[in-house]
Protein backbone atom coordinates (compact mmCIF):
# COMPACT_ATOMS: atom_id res chain seq x y z
CA MET A 1 65.76 80.42 70.91
CA ALA A 2 66.05 83.28 68.40
CA GLN A 3 69.36 83.91 66.68
CA LYS A 4 69.68 87.37 68.26
CA SER A 5 69.43 85.82 71.71
CA LEU A 6 72.00 83.17 70.80
CA ASP A 7 74.38 85.86 69.53
CA LEU A 8 73.93 87.80 72.76
CA ILE A 9 74.60 84.68 74.84
CA GLN A 10 77.77 84.05 72.83
CA ALA A 11 78.93 87.57 73.57
CA MET A 12 78.09 87.07 77.27
CA ALA A 13 80.10 83.84 77.37
CA GLU A 14 83.16 85.51 75.85
CA ILE A 15 82.89 88.45 78.27
CA ALA A 16 82.39 86.27 81.33
CA GLU A 17 85.25 83.94 80.42
CA ALA A 18 87.65 86.88 80.04
CA VAL A 19 86.83 88.64 83.34
CA GLN A 20 85.39 85.91 85.58
CA PRO A 21 84.13 86.07 88.22
CA VAL A 22 81.80 88.90 87.23
CA THR A 23 78.33 90.05 88.24
CA GLY A 24 75.40 90.11 85.87
CA ARG A 25 75.52 93.90 85.84
CA GLY A 26 79.22 93.74 85.05
CA VAL A 27 78.38 91.66 81.97
CA GLY A 28 75.75 94.24 81.09
CA TYR A 29 78.27 97.09 81.21
CA LYS A 30 80.55 95.30 78.78
CA LEU A 31 77.65 94.41 76.46
CA PHE A 32 76.60 98.07 76.41
CA THR A 33 80.16 99.27 75.77
CA ALA A 34 80.49 96.84 72.87
CA GLY A 35 77.13 97.88 71.40
CA PHE A 36 75.26 94.62 72.02
CA ILE A 37 72.54 96.32 74.08
CA PRO A 38 71.21 99.86 73.57
CA SER A 39 71.36 101.01 77.20
CA MET A 40 71.71 100.04 80.85
CA LYS A 41 68.02 100.68 81.48
CA THR A 42 66.04 98.20 83.55
CA SER A 43 64.27 96.76 80.51
CA ASP A 44 67.53 95.99 78.70
CA MET A 45 69.21 94.61 81.83
CA GLN A 46 66.24 92.36 82.60
CA ARG A 47 66.83 90.67 79.24
CA VAL A 48 70.53 90.29 80.07
CA TYR A 49 69.74 88.68 83.44
CA ARG A 50 67.14 86.36 81.88
CA LEU A 51 69.51 85.18 79.16
CA LEU A 52 72.34 84.72 81.66
CA LYS A 53 70.10 82.46 83.72
CA GLU A 54 69.01 80.44 80.69
CA ALA A 55 72.59 80.16 79.42
CA ARG A 56 73.79 78.74 82.73
CA GLU A 57 70.84 76.38 83.02
CA ARG A 58 71.67 75.06 79.52
CA GLY A 59 75.36 74.68 80.35
CA LEU A 60 76.45 77.37 77.88
CA ILE A 61 78.06 79.49 80.61
CA PRO A 62 79.55 77.91 83.77
CA TRP A 63 77.71 78.89 86.94
CA ASP A 64 80.87 79.95 88.76
CA TRP A 65 81.70 82.59 86.12
CA ILE A 66 78.79 84.73 87.35
CA VAL A 67 78.64 85.90 90.97
CA ASP A 68 76.04 87.64 93.09
CA GLU A 69 77.98 89.52 95.75
CA THR A 70 74.81 90.53 97.62
CA ARG A 71 73.76 86.97 98.47
CA SER A 72 76.96 85.14 99.40
CA LEU A 73 77.12 83.10 102.61
CA GLU A 74 79.10 84.73 105.42
CA ARG A 75 80.66 82.29 107.89
CA LYS A 76 83.57 82.40 110.32
CA ALA A 77 86.55 80.44 109.01
CA SER A 78 87.12 77.06 110.67
CA TRP A 79 89.28 73.97 110.14
CA ALA A 80 88.96 70.24 110.76
CA ASP A 81 92.10 70.07 112.96
CA PRO A 82 95.24 72.08 113.87
CA GLU A 83 97.20 70.51 111.03
CA ALA A 84 94.62 71.74 108.49
CA PHE A 85 94.83 75.23 109.98
CA ALA A 86 98.63 75.20 109.78
CA ARG A 87 98.52 74.18 106.10
CA ALA A 88 95.99 76.91 105.32
CA ALA A 89 98.02 79.55 107.16
CA ALA A 90 101.23 78.56 105.38
CA ALA A 91 99.52 78.72 102.00
CA GLN A 92 98.14 82.18 102.74
CA TYR A 93 101.38 83.74 103.97
CA ARG A 94 102.51 86.67 101.88
CA ARG A 95 104.92 89.35 102.95
CA ASP A 96 103.31 92.81 103.08
CA PHE A 97 105.57 94.93 100.89
CA TRP A 98 103.24 97.91 101.31
CA ASP A 99 104.71 98.32 104.80
CA GLN A 100 107.93 99.40 103.09
CA GLN A 101 106.28 102.05 100.89
CA PRO A 102 106.18 105.78 101.73
CA VAL A 103 102.39 105.88 101.15
CA ARG A 104 99.44 103.54 101.43
CA CYS A 105 97.24 102.75 98.44
CA GLU A 106 93.68 101.50 97.97
CA VAL A 107 91.26 101.20 95.06
CA TRP A 108 87.76 102.57 95.67
CA SER A 109 84.88 101.64 93.38
CA GLU A 110 81.46 103.19 93.02
CA LYS A 111 80.02 99.71 92.50
CA GLY A 112 81.04 96.12 93.12
CA THR A 113 80.33 95.04 89.54
CA ILE A 114 83.94 95.40 88.40
CA ARG A 115 85.57 93.45 91.23
CA GLY A 116 86.16 90.53 88.86
CA VAL A 117 87.81 92.79 86.26
CA LEU A 118 90.14 94.39 88.78
CA ALA A 119 90.89 91.28 90.85
CA PRO A 120 93.96 90.05 88.89
CA VAL A 121 95.75 93.38 89.33
CA LEU A 122 94.58 93.89 92.92
CA ASN A 123 95.78 90.41 93.84
CA ALA A 124 99.09 90.73 92.03
CA TYR A 125 99.98 93.91 93.89
CA ALA A 126 98.09 93.18 97.13
CA VAL A 127 96.14 96.43 96.88
CA GLY A 128 93.13 96.94 99.13
CA PHE A 129 89.70 97.32 97.50
CA ARG A 130 86.62 99.10 98.83
CA VAL A 131 83.17 99.24 97.28
CA MET A 132 81.79 102.65 98.21
CA HIS A 133 78.21 101.88 97.07
CA GLY A 134 77.54 105.32 95.66
CA PHE A 135 77.46 108.05 98.27
CA SER A 136 79.16 106.04 100.99
CA GLY A 137 77.99 106.17 104.59
CA ALA A 138 79.50 108.63 107.06
CA THR A 139 80.88 105.89 109.31
CA THR A 140 83.05 104.40 106.57
CA LEU A 141 84.52 107.74 105.57
CA TYR A 142 85.05 108.82 109.17
CA ASP A 143 86.95 105.60 109.91
CA ILE A 144 89.12 106.12 106.82
CA ALA A 145 89.83 109.72 107.78
CA GLN A 146 90.82 108.76 111.32
CA ASP A 147 93.03 105.83 110.29
CA ASN A 148 96.48 107.41 110.25
CA ASP A 149 98.32 105.59 113.02
CA ASP A 150 101.48 105.05 110.98
CA GLY A 151 101.63 108.65 109.72
CA ARG A 152 101.60 107.75 106.02
CA ASP A 153 99.39 109.37 103.38
CA LEU A 154 96.67 107.28 101.73
CA ILE A 155 96.08 107.46 97.97
CA ALA A 156 92.62 106.24 96.98
CA LEU A 157 92.45 105.35 93.28
CA TYR A 158 88.81 105.78 92.31
CA VAL A 159 86.82 104.02 89.58
CA GLY A 160 83.26 105.05 88.80
CA ASP A 161 80.66 106.05 86.25
CA TYR A 162 81.13 109.03 83.94
CA ASP A 163 77.80 110.65 84.72
CA PRO A 164 76.57 113.41 87.07
CA SER A 165 76.53 111.39 90.28
CA GLY A 166 79.59 109.31 89.41
CA MET A 167 81.76 112.34 88.73
CA TRP A 168 80.43 114.30 91.71
CA MET A 169 81.33 111.43 94.04
CA SER A 170 85.02 111.43 93.14
CA GLU A 171 85.48 115.15 92.51
CA HIS A 172 83.49 116.61 95.42
CA ASP A 173 81.61 114.26 97.75
CA LEU A 174 84.33 111.83 98.84
CA PRO A 175 87.26 114.29 99.03
CA GLY A 176 85.09 116.87 100.80
CA ARG A 177 83.73 114.52 103.44
CA VAL A 178 87.09 112.86 104.11
CA GLU A 179 88.61 116.31 104.66
CA LYS A 180 85.69 117.30 106.87
CA TYR A 181 86.34 114.29 109.10
CA GLY A 182 90.03 115.13 109.49
CA GLY A 183 91.49 113.05 106.70
CA ASP A 184 94.04 115.57 105.40
CA HIS A 185 96.36 112.65 104.66
CA VAL A 186 93.86 111.09 102.19
CA SER A 187 93.77 112.00 98.49
CA VAL A 188 91.22 110.68 95.97
CA GLU A 189 92.43 110.29 92.40
CA ARG A 190 89.99 109.17 89.68
CA ILE A 191 91.62 106.68 87.31
CA ALA A 192 88.48 105.49 85.48
CA ILE A 193 86.31 106.41 83.76
CA THR A 194 88.09 109.62 82.77
CA GLN A 195 87.33 112.00 79.92
CA ASP A 196 90.11 110.44 77.84
CA ASP A 197 88.56 106.99 78.39
CA THR A 198 85.28 108.10 76.81
CA ILE A 199 86.80 108.52 73.33
CA GLY A 200 85.29 105.84 71.12
CA LEU A 201 82.93 104.52 73.78
CA PRO A 202 79.15 104.52 73.33
CA SER A 203 77.38 107.23 75.31
CA PHE A 204 73.94 108.54 76.13
CA PRO A 205 72.66 112.13 76.48
CA ALA A 206 73.31 113.73 79.84
CA LYS A 207 69.73 115.06 79.68
CA ASP A 208 68.61 111.53 80.52
CA LYS A 209 69.94 112.36 83.99
CA TYR A 210 68.30 115.79 84.21
CA LYS A 211 66.59 114.85 87.49
CA ASP A 212 69.98 114.27 89.13
CA PRO A 213 70.82 117.24 91.41
CA ARG A 214 74.34 117.20 89.92
CA TYR A 215 73.09 117.46 86.31
CA ASP A 216 73.81 121.19 85.75
CA TRP A 217 77.25 120.91 87.34
CA PHE A 218 78.11 117.90 85.15
CA VAL A 219 77.04 119.55 81.89
CA LYS A 220 78.95 122.74 82.74
CA ASN A 221 82.17 120.87 83.51
CA TYR A 222 82.06 117.70 81.41
CA GLY A 223 79.68 118.19 78.50
CA ASP A 224 76.34 116.80 77.44
CA HIS A 225 77.10 113.07 77.19
CA CYS A 226 77.47 110.38 79.83
């Protein structure tokens, strides 16, 4: 294996160890941010996926550090006997302190690739997490808008790409549709990536996204780099 590939695998191992579990695309994002790969284009990511596979097959990166959230087995929870269920229930008990707060809080993500990065904080504070998968379906947003039985406001902390579609989702699409469906109690606040976050990060020309319907709006409001 060429030295460049070995260096890239070493970088992958350090990234995966720090933020495990993480998806292959999540590793790619961090490689791009650190300057190890030139872009997130399909050709560059195919090399990342190939090397991740080879690294795990060779034992250089543990298999359980990398997850594929689209192919996990879904199965109803079950136990060997009542005693096993009682032990599991006792271990899982955690008082819901959010019930005592004046507002509810969730984290919404454009993609599932950063679940592993956010998990330690989400778990520590028992904050709900939703993957919106880009322009989320109407049913999901309608259900969120209608869920106000306890009368409290919901603050959705949003994380997404700093590009035409990513910014449009948090600044227009999600807030507009939630309001349309009656969710006046829901506010969407982008916490990453923000304009301040982009300082010192690698970027690419916004013109690469010129086919995106939100391209002109993005350039007018946020500049010519993504």
